Protein backbone atom coordinates (compact mmCIF):
# COMPACT_ATOMS: atom_id res chain seq x y z
CA UNK A 1 0.15 0.11 0.14
CA UNK A 2 2.84 2.77 0.76
CA UNK A 3 4.79 1.91 -1.95
CA UNK A 4 1.41 2.68 -4.01
CA UNK A 5 1.24 5.61 -2.27
CA UNK A 6 4.70 6.83 -3.31
CA UNK A 7 4.17 5.69 -7.22
CA UNK A 8 0.89 7.28 -7.37
CA UNK A 9 0.83 10.95 -4.99
CA UNK A 10 3.23 11.89 -7.54
CA UNK A 11 1.70 11.45 -10.83
CA UNK A 12 -1.66 13.47 -8.99
CA UNK A 13 1.05 16.29 -8.36
CA UNK A 14 1.85 16.10 -11.70
CA UNK A 15 -1.61 16.02 -13.10
CA UNK A 16 -2.32 19.03 -10.45
CA UNK A 17 0.63 21.06 -11.68
CA UNK A 18 -0.67 20.07 -15.70
CA UNK A 19 -4.29 21.28 -14.67
CA UNK A 20 -3.26 24.21 -12.84
CA UNK A 21 -1.73 24.86 -16.29
CA UNK A 22 -4.57 24.30 -18.58
CA UNK A 23 -6.13 26.26 -16.29
CA UNK A 24 -3.78 29.53 -16.62
CA UNK A 25 -4.03 29.14 -19.94
CA UNK A 26 -7.42 28.72 -20.70
CA UNK A 27 -8.41 31.68 -18.43
CA UNK A 28 -5.90 33.94 -20.09
CA UNK A 29 -6.88 33.32 -23.52
CA UNK A 30 -10.59 34.06 -22.23
CA UNK A 31 -9.75 37.13 -20.40
CA UNK A 32 -7.69 38.12 -23.79
CA UNK A 33 -10.37 37.63 -26.23
CA UNK A 34 -13.01 39.61 -23.35
CA UNK A 35 -10.51 42.37 -23.07
CA UNK A 36 -9.79 42.83 -27.05
CA UNK A 37 -13.20 42.66 -28.04
CA UNK A 38 -15.57 45.21 -26.85
CA UNK A 39 -18.45 43.81 -28.18
CA UNK A 40 -18.71 39.86 -28.52
CA UNK A 41 -21.19 38.26 -31.14
CA UNK A 42 -23.17 35.11 -30.19
CA UNK A 43 -20.74 33.41 -32.83
CA UNK A 44 -17.58 34.40 -31.34
CA UNK A 45 -18.77 34.18 -27.52
CA UNK A 46 -19.54 30.26 -28.33
CA UNK A 47 -15.83 30.21 -30.01
CA UNK A 48 -14.09 31.34 -27.01
CA UNK A 49 -16.30 29.10 -24.71
CA UNK A 50 -15.89 26.39 -26.81
CA UNK A 51 -11.79 26.90 -26.23
CA UNK A 52 -11.59 27.01 -23.27
CA UNK A 53 -14.43 23.81 -23.04
CA UNK A 54 -11.29 22.33 -25.36
CA UNK A 55 -8.67 23.35 -23.27
CA UNK A 56 -9.95 21.76 -20.33
CA UNK A 57 -10.82 18.60 -22.14
CA UNK A 58 -7.80 18.15 -23.08
CA UNK A 59 -6.09 19.12 -20.35
CA UNK A 60 -7.82 15.94 -18.73
CA UNK A 61 -6.99 13.76 -21.69
CA UNK A 62 -3.49 14.37 -20.98
CA UNK A 63 -3.76 13.62 -17.50
CA UNK A 64 -5.25 10.35 -18.69
CA UNK A 65 -2.47 9.78 -20.45
CA UNK A 66 0.02 10.00 -17.83
CA UNK A 67 -1.35 7.19 -15.56
CA UNK A 68 -1.72 5.35 -18.70
CA UNK A 69 1.82 5.42 -19.45
CA UNK A 70 2.32 4.66 -15.53
CA UNK A 71 -0.10 1.24 -15.57
CA UNK A 72 2.32 0.58 -18.95
CA UNK A 73 5.90 1.26 -16.75
CA UNK A 74 4.22 -0.48 -14.44
CA UNK A 75 3.34 -4.09 -16.27
CA UNK A 76 -0.32 -3.33 -15.41
CA UNK A 77 -0.94 -3.55 -19.57
CA UNK A 78 0.58 -4.36 -22.42
CA UNK A 79 -0.78 -1.83 -24.13
CA UNK A 80 -1.08 1.61 -24.01
CA UNK A 81 -4.35 1.70 -26.07
CA UNK A 82 -5.43 -1.12 -23.38
CA UNK A 83 -4.12 1.37 -20.51
CA UNK A 84 -5.93 4.48 -22.00
CA UNK A 85 -9.19 2.63 -22.02
CA UNK A 86 -8.98 1.50 -18.27
CA UNK A 87 -7.41 5.45 -17.46
CA UNK A 88 -10.25 7.28 -18.85
CA UNK A 89 -12.97 4.69 -17.36
CA UNK A 90 -11.39 5.29 -14.27
CA UNK A 91 -10.50 9.23 -14.10
CA UNK A 92 -14.13 9.69 -14.92
CA UNK A 93 -14.94 7.69 -12.18
CA UNK A 94 -17.40 5.70 -14.70
CA UNK A 95 -15.79 2.28 -13.72
CA UNK A 96 -17.03 -0.50 -16.32
CA UNK A 97 -14.72 -3.37 -14.09
CA UNK A 98 -14.79 -4.91 -17.09
CA UNK A 99 -10.65 -4.16 -16.69
CA UNK A 100 -8.98 -3.58 -13.59
CA UNK A 101 -5.60 -3.52 -12.23
CA UNK A 102 -3.49 -6.86 -10.12
CA UNK A 103 -5.04 -6.91 -6.56
CA UNK A 104 -1.05 -5.16 -5.55
CA UNK A 105 -2.36 -2.27 -7.62
CA UNK A 106 -5.74 -1.26 -7.36
CA UNK A 107 -5.25 1.36 -5.09
CA UNK A 108 -3.50 3.02 -7.74
CA UNK A 109 -7.09 3.00 -9.60
CA UNK A 110 -8.55 5.25 -6.21
CA UNK A 111 -6.16 7.61 -6.80
CA UNK A 112 -6.53 7.92 -10.28
CA UNK A 113 -10.32 8.08 -9.64
CA UNK A 114 -10.04 10.65 -6.96
CA UNK A 115 -7.45 13.12 -9.33
CA UNK A 116 -9.91 12.88 -12.05
CA UNK A 117 -12.98 14.08 -10.00
CA UNK A 118 -11.07 16.75 -8.90
CA UNK A 119 -10.34 17.82 -12.21
CA UNK A 120 -13.16 17.17 -13.92
CA UNK A 121 -14.69 19.49 -11.11
CA UNK A 122 -12.03 22.15 -11.86
CA UNK A 123 -12.67 22.02 -15.60
CA UNK A 124 -16.15 22.94 -14.32
CA UNK A 125 -15.68 25.88 -12.75
CA UNK A 126 -13.37 27.28 -15.15
CA UNK A 127 -16.17 27.03 -17.96
CA UNK A 128 -18.88 27.82 -15.07
CA UNK A 129 -16.77 30.89 -14.45
CA UNK A 130 -16.50 31.77 -18.42
CA UNK A 131 -20.06 31.45 -18.59
CA UNK A 132 -20.86 33.78 -15.75
CA UNK A 133 -18.62 36.71 -17.08
CA UNK A 134 -20.29 35.97 -20.62
CA UNK A 135 -23.76 36.22 -18.90
CA UNK A 136 -23.11 39.12 -16.96
CA UNK A 137 -21.73 40.69 -19.70
CA UNK A 138 -24.85 40.45 -21.34
CA UNK A 139 -26.85 41.52 -18.67
CA UNK A 140 -25.24 45.07 -18.49
CA UNK A 141 -25.33 44.84 -21.88
CA UNK A 142 -29.43 44.46 -22.08
CA UNK A 143 -29.08 47.45 -19.10
CA UNK A 144 -27.24 49.76 -20.48
CA UNK A 145 -28.64 51.17 -24.25
CA UNK A 146 -25.38 52.76 -24.66
CA UNK A 147 -23.68 49.50 -24.70
CA UNK A 148 -26.41 48.04 -27.36
């Protein structure tokens, strides 16, 4: 159990760092977009929100790939594709159970699931912040006829 924690916690920390980078990139792009566009159209709003979603999803996918590579390195799976499938199911906390880790490594799947649920929560928070800003902008615009 201790060995699994010593293996899994650094991977979790790497994933947290990666998520922080993706959050920073997403929010920076969003803020730059908003600053440079005084009157965003519905299509430009959809575009920037889509970009935020894609960046966050890409960050989550990269984290699944990191976990999958760890599982291959530990000899849990012979192919990266099988490990990635397991990782995606585990990271998303879907947990089909059709593919599992060996008994000595099962704690790693719990660590990945905890990592995944946290990261999807962070991704949701970033998107919610961007949506809140869009709603706030459109609400203020509808109240102030000079901005319309």
